[in-house]
């Protein structure tokens, strides 16, 4: 059995949002299309079954459609993690058949709460994205909420909103709830004003778990998030986040023994596989 299920390919740093808690690379130069295609092929050769195209917002990259199609053609499960405000009906008409899952962030149950950490209009953009995704029922939808001091009291309202959406959407729906983590490429983050405590996060999980829901919920604490992801950054470098650091291991295409590099990085293979099992492509 492969030891690695998923590799996140951050194809760009470009994004319409400026989230203070963002884990994505910032100001990193992008590889060209030929190199990006070679990275996708190498991800498949690594034994990983899934590529997550992310960023920044991968839809800001002009060749994302061809990368998605290539990944699908060579047999990878394809996930796309986008902010939602660049997702269009035209893109889905062209590429939905190549995509297994699209992930969208949702910071609040309405514009007022969402705009505390996202730009004004983002909530509306995500609702519109959910509407057009409902026209492509074969694409699974994941909604992700980073829990911060700004929205912790409103997460039950987000769950209620998603319950209403799940009742009418033909897509499979999944919900990930993250405990905002003190790791960012931005140097000007006041984490004490942002991060909720582990006790608060557990209490929130218990509160939401008192009622059944129409979708599965994954709760991702600080500890769960650590040493969980294998990333290829826009410049093609292999990166493994550990603690509050992004540790680079050089160009991904030059790595001869990925397992050995990840062992050296103290990557948690078992936790990674458990997390990846939370979503599977339908048979």
C-alpha atoms as a PDB file:
ATOM      1  CA  UNK A   1       0.000   0.000   0.000  1.00  0.00           C
ATOM      2  CA  UNK A   2       1.394   3.472  -0.879  1.00  0.00           C
ATOM      3  CA  UNK A   3       2.512   5.416   2.178  1.00  0.00           C
ATOM      4  CA  UNK A   4       1.300   8.700   0.686  1.00  0.00           C
ATOM      5  CA  UNK A   5      -2.239   9.416  -0.496  1.00  0.00           C
ATOM      6  CA  UNK A   6      -2.209  13.093  -1.449  1.00  0.00           C
ATOM      7  CA  UNK A   7       0.211  15.770  -2.589  1.00  0.00           C
ATOM      8  CA  UNK A   8      -0.863  19.409  -2.595  1.00  0.00           C
ATOM      9  CA  UNK A   9       0.428  21.286  -5.629  1.00  0.00           C
ATOM     10  CA  UNK A  10       0.355  25.033  -4.914  1.00  0.00           C
ATOM     11  CA  UNK A  11       0.380  26.131  -8.540  1.00  0.00           C
ATOM     12  CA  UNK A  12       0.349  29.872  -7.797  1.00  0.00           C
ATOM     13  CA  UNK A  13       0.671  32.449  -5.047  1.00  0.00           C
ATOM     14  CA  UNK A  14      -1.889  34.711  -6.689  1.00  0.00           C
ATOM     15  CA  UNK A  15      -5.185  35.152  -4.837  1.00  0.00           C
ATOM     16  CA  UNK A  16      -8.016  37.660  -4.561  1.00  0.00           C
ATOM     17  CA  UNK A  17      -8.108  37.239  -0.782  1.00  0.00           C
ATOM     18  CA  UNK A  18      -5.583  38.342   1.858  1.00  0.00           C
ATOM     19  CA  UNK A  19      -6.377  36.012   4.765  1.00  0.00           C
ATOM     20  CA  UNK A  20      -4.106  36.693   7.733  1.00  0.00           C
ATOM     21  CA  UNK A  21      -4.019  32.995   8.712  1.00  0.00           C
ATOM     22  CA  UNK A  22      -3.183  31.800   5.169  1.00  0.00           C
ATOM     23  CA  UNK A  23      -0.836  28.829   4.894  1.00  0.00           C
ATOM     24  CA  UNK A  24      -0.347  29.304   1.184  1.00  0.00           C
ATOM     25  CA  UNK A  25       2.925  30.529  -0.318  1.00  0.00           C
ATOM     26  CA  UNK A  26       3.172  34.249  -0.896  1.00  0.00           C
ATOM     27  CA  UNK A  27       5.233  35.974  -3.550  1.00  0.00           C
ATOM     28  CA  UNK A  28       6.684  32.724  -4.917  1.00  0.00           C
ATOM     29  CA  UNK A  29       7.502  32.607  -8.642  1.00  0.00           C
ATOM     30  CA  UNK A  30       5.598  29.985 -10.652  1.00  0.00           C
ATOM     31  CA  UNK A  31       7.136  27.233 -12.738  1.00  0.00           C
ATOM     32  CA  UNK A  32       6.178  27.201 -16.431  1.00  0.00           C
ATOM     33  CA  UNK A  33       3.556  24.888 -17.899  1.00  0.00           C
ATOM     34  CA  UNK A  34       6.050  22.238 -19.040  1.00  0.00           C
ATOM     35  CA  UNK A  35       7.557  21.971 -15.569  1.00  0.00           C
ATOM     36  CA  UNK A  36       4.131  21.989 -13.924  1.00  0.00           C
ATOM     37  CA  UNK A  37       3.081  19.104 -16.161  1.00  0.00           C
ATOM     38  CA  UNK A  38       6.232  17.197 -15.193  1.00  0.00           C
ATOM     39  CA  UNK A  39       5.395  17.766 -11.516  1.00  0.00           C
ATOM     40  CA  UNK A  40       1.890  16.367 -12.032  1.00  0.00           C
ATOM     41  CA  UNK A  41       3.356  13.304 -13.741  1.00  0.00           C
ATOM     42  CA  UNK A  42       5.879  12.862 -10.923  1.00  0.00           C
ATOM     43  CA  UNK A  43       3.082  13.069  -8.334  1.00  0.00           C
ATOM     44  CA  UNK A  44       1.372  10.160 -10.095  1.00  0.00           C
ATOM     45  CA  UNK A  45       4.663   8.230 -10.258  1.00  0.00           C
ATOM     46  CA  UNK A  46       5.213   8.762  -6.516  1.00  0.00           C
ATOM     47  CA  UNK A  47       2.348   6.397  -5.705  1.00  0.00           C
ATOM     48  CA  UNK A  48       0.065   9.158  -4.434  1.00  0.00           C
ATOM     49  CA  UNK A  49      -3.471   8.642  -5.700  1.00  0.00           C
ATOM     50  CA  UNK A  50      -4.607  12.260  -5.443  1.00  0.00           C
ATOM     51  CA  UNK A  51      -3.385  15.723  -6.372  1.00  0.00           C
ATOM     52  CA  UNK A  52      -4.888  18.826  -4.803  1.00  0.00           C
ATOM     53  CA  UNK A  53      -4.418  21.879  -6.995  1.00  0.00           C
ATOM     54  CA  UNK A  54      -4.303  24.812  -4.620  1.00  0.00           C
ATOM     55  CA  UNK A  55      -2.540  28.138  -4.159  1.00  0.00           C
ATOM     56  CA  UNK A  56      -3.118  30.998  -3.690  1.00  0.00           C
ATOM     57  CA  UNK A  57      -6.101  30.352  -5.869  1.00  0.00           C
ATOM     58  CA  UNK A  58      -5.300  27.837  -8.621  1.00  0.00           C
ATOM     59  CA  UNK A  59      -7.935  29.420 -10.852  1.00  0.00           C
ATOM     60  CA  UNK A  60      -5.673  32.487 -11.091  1.00  0.00           C
ATOM     61  CA  UNK A  61      -3.269  30.357 -13.153  1.00  0.00           C
ATOM     62  CA  UNK A  62      -3.999  30.451 -16.897  1.00  0.00           C
ATOM     63  CA  UNK A  63      -3.091  26.801 -17.574  1.00  0.00           C
ATOM     64  CA  UNK A  64      -4.978  25.248 -14.645  1.00  0.00           C
ATOM     65  CA  UNK A  65      -7.498  23.631 -16.982  1.00  0.00           C
ATOM     66  CA  UNK A  66      -4.816  21.754 -18.901  1.00  0.00           C
ATOM     67  CA  UNK A  67      -3.142  20.666 -15.643  1.00  0.00           C
ATOM     68  CA  UNK A  68      -6.465  19.362 -14.312  1.00  0.00           C
ATOM     69  CA  UNK A  69      -7.094  17.450 -17.540  1.00  0.00           C
ATOM     70  CA  UNK A  70      -3.585  15.968 -17.511  1.00  0.00           C
ATOM     71  CA  UNK A  71      -3.930  14.787 -13.911  1.00  0.00           C
ATOM     72  CA  UNK A  72      -7.223  13.114 -14.729  1.00  0.00           C
ATOM     73  CA  UNK A  73      -5.843  11.538 -17.905  1.00  0.00           C
ATOM     74  CA  UNK A  74      -2.968   9.860 -16.031  1.00  0.00           C
ATOM     75  CA  UNK A  75      -5.294   8.432 -13.405  1.00  0.00           C
ATOM     76  CA  UNK A  76      -5.000  10.768 -10.421  1.00  0.00           C
ATOM     77  CA  UNK A  77      -7.934  11.763  -8.279  1.00  0.00           C
ATOM     78  CA  UNK A  78      -8.224  15.510  -8.823  1.00  0.00           C
ATOM     79  CA  UNK A  79      -9.199  18.014  -6.159  1.00  0.00           C
ATOM     80  CA  UNK A  80      -9.274  21.769  -6.624  1.00  0.00           C
ATOM     81  CA  UNK A  81      -9.052  24.085  -3.626  1.00  0.00           C
ATOM     82  CA  UNK A  82     -10.230  27.551  -4.649  1.00  0.00           C
ATOM     83  CA  UNK A  83     -11.490  30.620  -2.838  1.00  0.00           C
ATOM     84  CA  UNK A  84     -14.638  30.409  -4.956  1.00  0.00           C
ATOM     85  CA  UNK A  85     -14.680  33.922  -6.358  1.00  0.00           C
ATOM     86  CA  UNK A  86     -12.937  32.787  -9.572  1.00  0.00           C
ATOM     87  CA  UNK A  87     -15.097  29.693 -10.129  1.00  0.00           C
ATOM     88  CA  UNK A  88     -17.332  30.080 -13.180  1.00  0.00           C
ATOM     89  CA  UNK A  89     -19.990  28.059 -14.946  1.00  0.00           C
ATOM     90  CA  UNK A  90     -17.788  28.051 -18.046  1.00  0.00           C
ATOM     91  CA  UNK A  91     -14.835  26.522 -16.222  1.00  0.00           C
ATOM     92  CA  UNK A  92     -17.033  23.782 -14.783  1.00  0.00           C
ATOM     93  CA  UNK A  93     -18.661  23.100 -18.156  1.00  0.00           C
ATOM     94  CA  UNK A  94     -15.177  22.505 -19.585  1.00  0.00           C
ATOM     95  CA  UNK A  95     -13.454  20.672 -16.741  1.00  0.00           C
ATOM     96  CA  UNK A  96     -15.960  19.276 -14.212  1.00  0.00           C
ATOM     97  CA  UNK A  97     -15.678  15.839 -15.810  1.00  0.00           C
ATOM     98  CA  UNK A  98     -11.973  15.826 -14.829  1.00  0.00           C
ATOM     99  CA  UNK A  99     -12.488  16.959 -11.216  1.00  0.00           C
ATOM    100  CA  UNK A 100     -13.488  14.734  -8.308  1.00  0.00           C
ATOM    101  CA  UNK A 101     -13.758  17.348  -5.559  1.00  0.00           C
ATOM    102  CA  UNK A 102     -13.798  21.125  -5.229  1.00  0.00           C
ATOM    103  CA  UNK A 103     -13.025  22.725  -1.876  1.00  0.00           C
ATOM    104  CA  UNK A 104     -14.317  26.157  -0.879  1.00  0.00           C
ATOM    105  CA  UNK A 105     -13.539  28.235   2.231  1.00  0.00           C
ATOM    106  CA  UNK A 106     -16.374  29.664   4.282  1.00  0.00           C
ATOM    107  CA  UNK A 107     -15.477  31.931   7.191  1.00  0.00           C
ATOM    108  CA  UNK A 108     -18.991  32.856   8.289  1.00  0.00           C
ATOM    109  CA  UNK A 109     -22.717  32.188   7.842  1.00  0.00           C
ATOM    110  CA  UNK A 110     -23.240  35.641   6.344  1.00  0.00           C
ATOM    111  CA  UNK A 111     -21.338  38.562   4.848  1.00  0.00           C
ATOM    112  CA  UNK A 112     -20.904  40.365   8.170  1.00  0.00           C
ATOM    113  CA  UNK A 113     -19.022  37.521   9.854  1.00  0.00           C
ATOM    114  CA  UNK A 114     -17.213  36.411   6.694  1.00  0.00           C
ATOM    115  CA  UNK A 115     -15.832  39.903   6.062  1.00  0.00           C
ATOM    116  CA  UNK A 116     -13.959  39.841   9.383  1.00  0.00           C
ATOM    117  CA  UNK A 117     -11.321  37.629   7.718  1.00  0.00           C
ATOM    118  CA  UNK A 118     -12.290  37.662   4.027  1.00  0.00           C
ATOM    119  CA  UNK A 119     -12.890  40.542   1.643  1.00  0.00           C
ATOM    120  CA  UNK A 120     -16.406  41.922   1.331  1.00  0.00           C
ATOM    121  CA  UNK A 121     -18.443  39.847  -1.091  1.00  0.00           C
ATOM    122  CA  UNK A 122     -16.672  36.561  -0.455  1.00  0.00           C
ATOM    123  CA  UNK A 123     -19.645  34.939   1.284  1.00  0.00           C
ATOM    124  CA  UNK A 124     -21.863  35.802  -1.672  1.00  0.00           C
ATOM    125  CA  UNK A 125     -19.257  34.413  -4.084  1.00  0.00           C
ATOM    126  CA  UNK A 126     -19.137  31.083  -2.240  1.00  0.00           C
ATOM    127  CA  UNK A 127     -22.928  30.801  -2.248  1.00  0.00           C
ATOM    128  CA  UNK A 128     -22.876  31.424  -6.011  1.00  0.00           C
ATOM    129  CA  UNK A 129     -20.142  28.781  -6.400  1.00  0.00           C
ATOM    130  CA  UNK A 130     -22.304  26.260  -4.537  1.00  0.00           C
ATOM    131  CA  UNK A 131     -25.179  27.076  -6.893  1.00  0.00           C
ATOM    132  CA  UNK A 132     -23.167  26.326 -10.032  1.00  0.00           C
ATOM    133  CA  UNK A 133     -21.582  23.232  -8.476  1.00  0.00           C
ATOM    134  CA  UNK A 134     -25.105  21.867  -7.936  1.00  0.00           C
ATOM    135  CA  UNK A 135     -25.338  21.688 -11.736  1.00  0.00           C
ATOM    136  CA  UNK A 136     -22.451  19.181 -11.693  1.00  0.00           C
ATOM    137  CA  UNK A 137     -23.570  16.526  -9.192  1.00  0.00           C
ATOM    138  CA  UNK A 138     -20.640  14.187  -9.926  1.00  0.00           C
ATOM    139  CA  UNK A 139     -18.257  16.721  -8.368  1.00  0.00           C
ATOM    140  CA  UNK A 140     -17.981  16.332  -4.607  1.00  0.00           C
ATOM    141  CA  UNK A 141     -17.951  19.551  -2.591  1.00  0.00           C
ATOM    142  CA  UNK A 142     -15.917  20.244   0.521  1.00  0.00           C
ATOM    143  CA  UNK A 143     -16.484  23.382   2.563  1.00  0.00           C
ATOM    144  CA  UNK A 144     -13.714  24.372   4.971  1.00  0.00           C
ATOM    145  CA  UNK A 145     -13.910  26.779   7.894  1.00  0.00           C
ATOM    146  CA  UNK A 146     -10.828  28.017   9.756  1.00  0.00           C
ATOM    147  CA  UNK A 147     -12.000  28.620  13.317  1.00  0.00           C
ATOM    148  CA  UNK A 148     -10.728  31.898  14.742  1.00  0.00           C
ATOM    149  CA  UNK A 149     -11.721  34.298  17.497  1.00  0.00           C
ATOM    150  CA  UNK A 150     -13.684  36.126  14.791  1.00  0.00           C
ATOM    151  CA  UNK A 151     -16.100  33.292  13.971  1.00  0.00           C
ATOM    152  CA  UNK A 152     -16.023  30.618  16.680  1.00  0.00           C
ATOM    153  CA  UNK A 153     -19.465  31.589  17.974  1.00  0.00           C
ATOM    154  CA  UNK A 154     -20.903  31.395  14.462  1.00  0.00           C
ATOM    155  CA  UNK A 155     -19.719  27.937  13.378  1.00  0.00           C
ATOM    156  CA  UNK A 156     -23.047  26.321  14.448  1.00  0.00           C
ATOM    157  CA  UNK A 157     -24.767  28.794  12.130  1.00  0.00           C
ATOM    158  CA  UNK A 158     -22.452  27.746   9.266  1.00  0.00           C
ATOM    159  CA  UNK A 159     -23.354  24.114   9.965  1.00  0.00           C
ATOM    160  CA  UNK A 160     -27.057  24.991   9.863  1.00  0.00           C
ATOM    161  CA  UNK A 161     -26.542  26.807   6.551  1.00  0.00           C
ATOM    162  CA  UNK A 162     -24.769  23.755   5.114  1.00  0.00           C
ATOM    163  CA  UNK A 163     -27.553  21.481   6.366  1.00  0.00           C
ATOM    164  CA  UNK A 164     -29.991  23.557   4.334  1.00  0.00           C
ATOM    165  CA  UNK A 165     -27.708  23.435   1.306  1.00  0.00           C
ATOM    166  CA  UNK A 166     -27.106  19.680   1.615  1.00  0.00           C
ATOM    167  CA  UNK A 167     -30.854  19.077   1.635  1.00  0.00           C
ATOM    168  CA  UNK A 168     -31.175  20.443  -1.911  1.00  0.00           C
ATOM    169  CA  UNK A 169     -27.726  19.856  -3.485  1.00  0.00           C
ATOM    170  CA  UNK A 170     -27.253  16.638  -5.472  1.00  0.00           C
ATOM    171  CA  UNK A 171     -23.493  16.661  -4.764  1.00  0.00           C
ATOM    172  CA  UNK A 172     -21.858  14.787  -1.915  1.00  0.00           C
ATOM    173  CA  UNK A 173     -20.945  17.415   0.695  1.00  0.00           C
ATOM    174  CA  UNK A 174     -18.132  17.312   3.237  1.00  0.00           C
ATOM    175  CA  UNK A 175     -17.208  19.847   5.910  1.00  0.00           C
ATOM    176  CA  UNK A 176     -13.748  20.432   7.383  1.00  0.00           C
ATOM    177  CA  UNK A 177     -13.390  22.581  10.488  1.00  0.00           C
ATOM    178  CA  UNK A 178      -9.829  23.772  11.158  1.00  0.00           C
ATOM    179  CA  UNK A 179      -8.364  25.249  14.306  1.00  0.00           C
ATOM    180  CA  UNK A 180      -6.452  28.251  12.942  1.00  0.00           C
ATOM    181  CA  UNK A 181      -2.781  27.445  13.348  1.00  0.00           C
ATOM    182  CA  UNK A 182       0.059  29.889  14.127  1.00  0.00           C
ATOM    183  CA  UNK A 183       1.841  29.255  10.851  1.00  0.00           C
ATOM    184  CA  UNK A 184       1.892  31.778   8.044  1.00  0.00           C
ATOM    185  CA  UNK A 185       4.324  33.210   5.515  1.00  0.00           C
ATOM    186  CA  UNK A 186       3.175  36.651   6.633  1.00  0.00           C
ATOM    187  CA  UNK A 187       5.300  38.156   9.391  1.00  0.00           C
ATOM    188  CA  UNK A 188       2.613  40.536  10.654  1.00  0.00           C
ATOM    189  CA  UNK A 189       0.045  38.193  12.181  1.00  0.00           C
ATOM    190  CA  UNK A 190      -1.192  38.849  15.720  1.00  0.00           C
ATOM    191  CA  UNK A 191      -1.912  35.216  16.543  1.00  0.00           C
ATOM    192  CA  UNK A 192      -3.078  35.915  20.103  1.00  0.00           C
ATOM    193  CA  UNK A 193      -5.983  37.878  18.624  1.00  0.00           C
ATOM    194  CA  UNK A 194      -6.794  35.087  16.181  1.00  0.00           C
ATOM    195  CA  UNK A 195      -6.196  31.587  17.557  1.00  0.00           C
ATOM    196  CA  UNK A 196      -8.773  29.819  19.727  1.00  0.00           C
ATOM    197  CA  UNK A 197      -7.626  27.505  22.498  1.00  0.00           C
ATOM    198  CA  UNK A 198      -7.727  23.725  22.207  1.00  0.00           C
ATOM    199  CA  UNK A 199     -10.346  23.626  24.973  1.00  0.00           C
ATOM    200  CA  UNK A 200     -12.554  26.064  23.043  1.00  0.00           C
ATOM    201  CA  UNK A 201     -12.145  24.008  19.871  1.00  0.00           C
ATOM    202  CA  UNK A 202     -13.134  20.793  21.649  1.00  0.00           C
ATOM    203  CA  UNK A 203     -16.146  22.508  23.231  1.00  0.00           C
ATOM    204  CA  UNK A 204     -17.244  23.713  19.804  1.00  0.00           C
ATOM    205  CA  UNK A 205     -16.949  20.187  18.408  1.00  0.00           C
ATOM    206  CA  UNK A 206     -19.048  18.812  21.251  1.00  0.00           C
ATOM    207  CA  UNK A 207     -21.684  21.496  20.753  1.00  0.00           C
ATOM    208  CA  UNK A 208     -22.023  20.884  17.018  1.00  0.00           C
ATOM    209  CA  UNK A 209     -21.977  17.123  17.551  1.00  0.00           C
ATOM    210  CA  UNK A 210     -25.128  17.115  19.646  1.00  0.00           C
ATOM    211  CA  UNK A 211     -27.316  17.022  16.534  1.00  0.00           C
ATOM    212  CA  UNK A 212     -27.083  14.878  13.365  1.00  0.00           C
ATOM    213  CA  UNK A 213     -26.159  16.471  10.046  1.00  0.00           C
ATOM    214  CA  UNK A 214     -26.571  15.658   6.369  1.00  0.00           C
ATOM    215  CA  UNK A 215     -22.796  15.554   5.751  1.00  0.00           C
ATOM    216  CA  UNK A 216     -19.677  14.330   7.499  1.00  0.00           C
ATOM    217  CA  UNK A 217     -17.637  16.779   9.557  1.00  0.00           C
ATOM    218  CA  UNK A 218     -13.875  16.488  10.070  1.00  0.00           C
ATOM    219  CA  UNK A 219     -12.420  18.362  13.033  1.00  0.00           C
ATOM    220  CA  UNK A 220      -8.778  19.339  12.501  1.00  0.00           C
ATOM    221  CA  UNK A 221      -7.007  20.562  15.630  1.00  0.00           C
ATOM    222  CA  UNK A 222      -3.516  22.049  15.930  1.00  0.00           C
ATOM    223  CA  UNK A 223      -2.100  18.590  16.586  1.00  0.00           C
ATOM    224  CA  UNK A 224      -3.963  16.986  13.697  1.00  0.00           C
ATOM    225  CA  UNK A 225      -2.746  19.608  11.245  1.00  0.00           C
ATOM    226  CA  UNK A 226       0.936  19.237  12.128  1.00  0.00           C
ATOM    227  CA  UNK A 227       3.115  17.107   9.804  1.00  0.00           C
ATOM    228  CA  UNK A 228       0.014  16.210   7.769  1.00  0.00           C
ATOM    229  CA  UNK A 229       0.657  17.783   4.359  1.00  0.00           C
ATOM    230  CA  UNK A 230       3.162  17.276   1.562  1.00  0.00           C
ATOM    231  CA  UNK A 231       3.300  20.376  -0.610  1.00  0.00           C
ATOM    232  CA  UNK A 232       4.897  21.348  -3.892  1.00  0.00           C
ATOM    233  CA  UNK A 233       5.213  25.131  -3.962  1.00  0.00           C
ATOM    234  CA  UNK A 234       4.699  27.270  -7.103  1.00  0.00           C
ATOM    235  CA  UNK A 235       8.453  27.320  -7.764  1.00  0.00           C
ATOM    236  CA  UNK A 236       8.497  23.506  -7.775  1.00  0.00           C
ATOM    237  CA  UNK A 237      10.105  23.002  -4.364  1.00  0.00           C
ATOM    238  CA  UNK A 238       9.027  20.174  -2.058  1.00  0.00           C
ATOM    239  CA  UNK A 239       7.829  21.606   1.252  1.00  0.00           C
ATOM    240  CA  UNK A 240       6.681  19.910   4.459  1.00  0.00           C
ATOM    241  CA  UNK A 241       5.130  22.167   7.146  1.00  0.00           C
ATOM    242  CA  UNK A 242       6.333  21.231  10.623  1.00  0.00           C
ATOM    243  CA  UNK A 243       5.185  23.248  13.621  1.00  0.00           C
ATOM    244  CA  UNK A 244       5.223  26.892  12.602  1.00  0.00           C
ATOM    245  CA  UNK A 245       7.847  26.368   9.877  1.00  0.00           C
ATOM    246  CA  UNK A 246       7.775  25.586   6.171  1.00  0.00           C
ATOM    247  CA  UNK A 247      10.722  23.263   5.598  1.00  0.00           C
ATOM    248  CA  UNK A 248      11.967  23.066   2.000  1.00  0.00           C
ATOM    249  CA  UNK A 249      13.662  19.981   0.559  1.00  0.00           C
ATOM    250  CA  UNK A 250      14.643  21.369  -2.834  1.00  0.00           C
ATOM    251  CA  UNK A 251      13.076  20.864  -6.257  1.00  0.00           C
ATOM    252  CA  UNK A 252      10.433  18.139  -6.183  1.00  0.00           C
ATOM    253  CA  UNK A 253      11.553  16.853  -9.580  1.00  0.00           C
ATOM    254  CA  UNK A 254      15.064  16.250  -8.195  1.00  0.00           C
ATOM    255  CA  UNK A 255      13.898  14.127  -5.243  1.00  0.00           C
ATOM    256  CA  UNK A 256      14.927  10.526  -5.913  1.00  0.00           C
ATOM    257  CA  UNK A 257      13.497   8.872  -2.791  1.00  0.00           C
ATOM    258  CA  UNK A 258      10.398  10.724  -1.572  1.00  0.00           C
ATOM    259  CA  UNK A 259       9.764   8.310   1.313  1.00  0.00           C
ATOM    260  CA  UNK A 260      13.291   8.874   2.629  1.00  0.00           C
ATOM    261  CA  UNK A 261      12.870  12.650   2.488  1.00  0.00           C
ATOM    262  CA  UNK A 262       9.566  12.461   4.321  1.00  0.00           C
ATOM    263  CA  UNK A 263      11.058  10.172   6.963  1.00  0.00           C
ATOM    264  CA  UNK A 264      13.769  12.789   7.503  1.00  0.00           C
ATOM    265  CA  UNK A 265      11.048  15.437   7.791  1.00  0.00           C
ATOM    266  CA  UNK A 266       9.300  13.431  10.553  1.00  0.00           C
ATOM    267  CA  UNK A 267       6.209  13.372   8.344  1.00  0.00           C
ATOM    268  CA  UNK A 268       3.336  11.498   9.999  1.00  0.00           C
ATOM    269  CA  UNK A 269       2.435   8.896   7.366  1.00  0.00           C
ATOM    270  CA  UNK A 270      -0.187   7.130   9.511  1.00  0.00           C
ATOM    271  CA  UNK A 271      -2.039  10.351  10.359  1.00  0.00           C
ATOM    272  CA  UNK A 272      -1.866  11.462   6.718  1.00  0.00           C
ATOM    273  CA  UNK A 273      -3.475   8.230   5.517  1.00  0.00           C
ATOM    274  CA  UNK A 274      -6.189   8.395   8.184  1.00  0.00           C
ATOM    275  CA  UNK A 275      -7.019  11.950   7.158  1.00  0.00           C
ATOM    276  CA  UNK A 276      -7.033  11.064   3.457  1.00  0.00           C
ATOM    277  CA  UNK A 277      -9.505   8.257   4.144  1.00  0.00           C
ATOM    278  CA  UNK A 278     -12.075  10.873   5.175  1.00  0.00           C
ATOM    279  CA  UNK A 279     -12.813  11.428   1.492  1.00  0.00           C
ATOM    280  CA  UNK A 280     -12.686   8.749  -1.182  1.00  0.00           C
ATOM    281  CA  UNK A 281     -13.668   8.896  -4.833  1.00  0.00           C
ATOM    282  CA  UNK A 282     -16.847   6.855  -5.375  1.00  0.00           C
ATOM    283  CA  UNK A 283     -16.191   3.447  -6.935  1.00  0.00           C
END
